[in-house]
Amino acid sequence: MKAILIIGDGMADRAVKELGWRSPLEAADKPSIDELARAGMCGLMSVSYTHLRAHETSLHLVCR
């Protein structure tokens, strides 16, 4: 299975009165991200950490 994981870290924001009580992200023109959200899917999946060495933790999971 091929997948793309997009981590929107730092995208959260507060609603702003000048934007009609929407957040800057909600008000932004972002057609590509909006289409990915519409066509994508959300869910949970099991993850195996058996490949980690003894000194590594799940915080060290990066693309290698």
C-alpha atoms as a PDB file:
ATOM      1  CA  MET A   1       0.000   0.000   0.000  1.00  0.00           C
ATOM      2  CA  LYS A   2       1.351   3.395  -0.968  1.00  0.00           C
ATOM      3  CA  ALA A   3       0.458   6.334   1.239  1.00  0.00           C
ATOM      4  CA  ILE A   4       1.333   9.937   1.886  1.00  0.00           C
ATOM      5  CA  LEU A   5       1.380  11.144   5.470  1.00  0.00           C
ATOM      6  CA  ILE A   6       0.936  14.865   5.946  1.00  0.00           C
ATOM      7  CA  ILE A   7       1.625  16.145   9.435  1.00  0.00           C
ATOM      8  CA  GLY A   8       0.036  19.553   9.853  1.00  0.00           C
ATOM      9  CA  ASP A   9       2.108  20.478  12.891  1.00  0.00           C
ATOM     10  CA  GLY A  10       1.653  24.112  13.816  1.00  0.00           C
ATOM     11  CA  MET A  11      -1.433  24.606  11.639  1.00  0.00           C
ATOM     12  CA  ALA A  12      -3.818  25.076  14.549  1.00  0.00           C
ATOM     13  CA  ASP A  13      -4.835  28.628  15.291  1.00  0.00           C
ATOM     14  CA  ARG A  14      -7.589  30.615  16.916  1.00  0.00           C
ATOM     15  CA  ALA A  15     -10.674  31.985  15.220  1.00  0.00           C
ATOM     16  CA  VAL A  16     -10.378  35.650  14.286  1.00  0.00           C
ATOM     17  CA  LYS A  17     -13.267  38.111  14.276  1.00  0.00           C
ATOM     18  CA  GLU A  18     -11.986  39.825  11.089  1.00  0.00           C
ATOM     19  CA  LEU A  19     -12.141  36.484   9.264  1.00  0.00           C
ATOM     20  CA  GLY A  20     -15.752  35.807  10.220  1.00  0.00           C
ATOM     21  CA  TRP A  21     -14.723  33.777  13.256  1.00  0.00           C
ATOM     22  CA  ARG A  22     -12.690  31.393  11.107  1.00  0.00           C
ATOM     23  CA  SER A  23      -9.073  30.493  11.725  1.00  0.00           C
ATOM     24  CA  PRO A  24      -6.437  31.739   9.263  1.00  0.00           C
ATOM     25  CA  LEU A  25      -6.137  28.181   7.910  1.00  0.00           C
ATOM     26  CA  GLU A  26      -9.898  27.956   7.319  1.00  0.00           C
ATOM     27  CA  ALA A  27      -9.876  31.326   5.543  1.00  0.00           C
ATOM     28  CA  ALA A  28      -6.782  30.651   3.409  1.00  0.00           C
ATOM     29  CA  ASP A  29      -7.070  29.724  -0.271  1.00  0.00           C
ATOM     30  CA  LYS A  30      -5.554  26.222  -0.301  1.00  0.00           C
ATOM     31  CA  PRO A  31      -7.199  24.181  -3.078  1.00  0.00           C
ATOM     32  CA  SER A  32      -4.541  21.434  -3.122  1.00  0.00           C
ATOM     33  CA  ILE A  33      -4.800  20.698   0.601  1.00  0.00           C
ATOM     34  CA  ASP A  34      -8.601  20.915   0.453  1.00  0.00           C
ATOM     35  CA  GLU A  35      -8.681  18.340  -2.382  1.00  0.00           C
ATOM     36  CA  LEU A  36      -6.338  15.999  -0.498  1.00  0.00           C
ATOM     37  CA  ALA A  37      -8.628  16.224   2.522  1.00  0.00           C
ATOM     38  CA  ARG A  38     -11.728  15.505   0.407  1.00  0.00           C
ATOM     39  CA  ALA A  39     -10.183  12.562  -1.444  1.00  0.00           C
ATOM     40  CA  GLY A  40      -8.213  11.154   1.469  1.00  0.00           C
ATOM     41  CA  MET A  41      -9.197   9.054   4.409  1.00  0.00           C
ATOM     42  CA  CYS A  42      -8.569   9.123   8.118  1.00  0.00           C
ATOM     43  CA  GLY A  43      -8.062   6.167  10.350  1.00  0.00           C
ATOM     44  CA  LEU A  44      -5.888   4.263  12.751  1.00  0.00           C
ATOM     45  CA  MET A  45      -3.293   1.648  11.987  1.00  0.00           C
ATOM     46  CA  SER A  46      -1.197  -0.682  14.051  1.00  0.00           C
ATOM     47  CA  VAL A  47       2.497   0.108  14.196  1.00  0.00           C
ATOM     48  CA  SER A  48       5.278  -2.330  15.026  1.00  0.00           C
ATOM     49  CA  TYR A  49       8.375  -1.033  16.782  1.00  0.00           C
ATOM     50  CA  THR A  50      10.272  -4.336  16.622  1.00  0.00           C
ATOM     51  CA  HIS A  51      12.847  -2.855  14.227  1.00  0.00           C
ATOM     52  CA  LEU A  52      14.054  -0.313  16.803  1.00  0.00           C
ATOM     53  CA  ARG A  53      17.349  -0.830  18.565  1.00  0.00           C
ATOM     54  CA  ALA A  54      17.379  -0.884  22.368  1.00  0.00           C
ATOM     55  CA  HIS A  55      18.330   2.803  22.696  1.00  0.00           C
ATOM     56  CA  GLU A  56      15.683   4.054  20.277  1.00  0.00           C
ATOM     57  CA  THR A  57      12.121   5.017  21.135  1.00  0.00           C
ATOM     58  CA  SER A  58       9.083   5.850  19.067  1.00  0.00           C
ATOM     59  CA  LEU A  59      10.277   9.489  19.182  1.00  0.00           C
ATOM     60  CA  HIS A  60      13.123   8.483  16.880  1.00  0.00           C
ATOM     61  CA  LEU A  61      10.875   7.254  14.072  1.00  0.00           C
ATOM     62  CA  VAL A  62      12.051   9.122  10.994  1.00  0.00           C
ATOM     63  CA  CYS A  63      12.414   8.285   7.334  1.00  0.00           C
ATOM     64  CA  ARG A  64      15.789   6.649   6.763  1.00  0.00           C
END
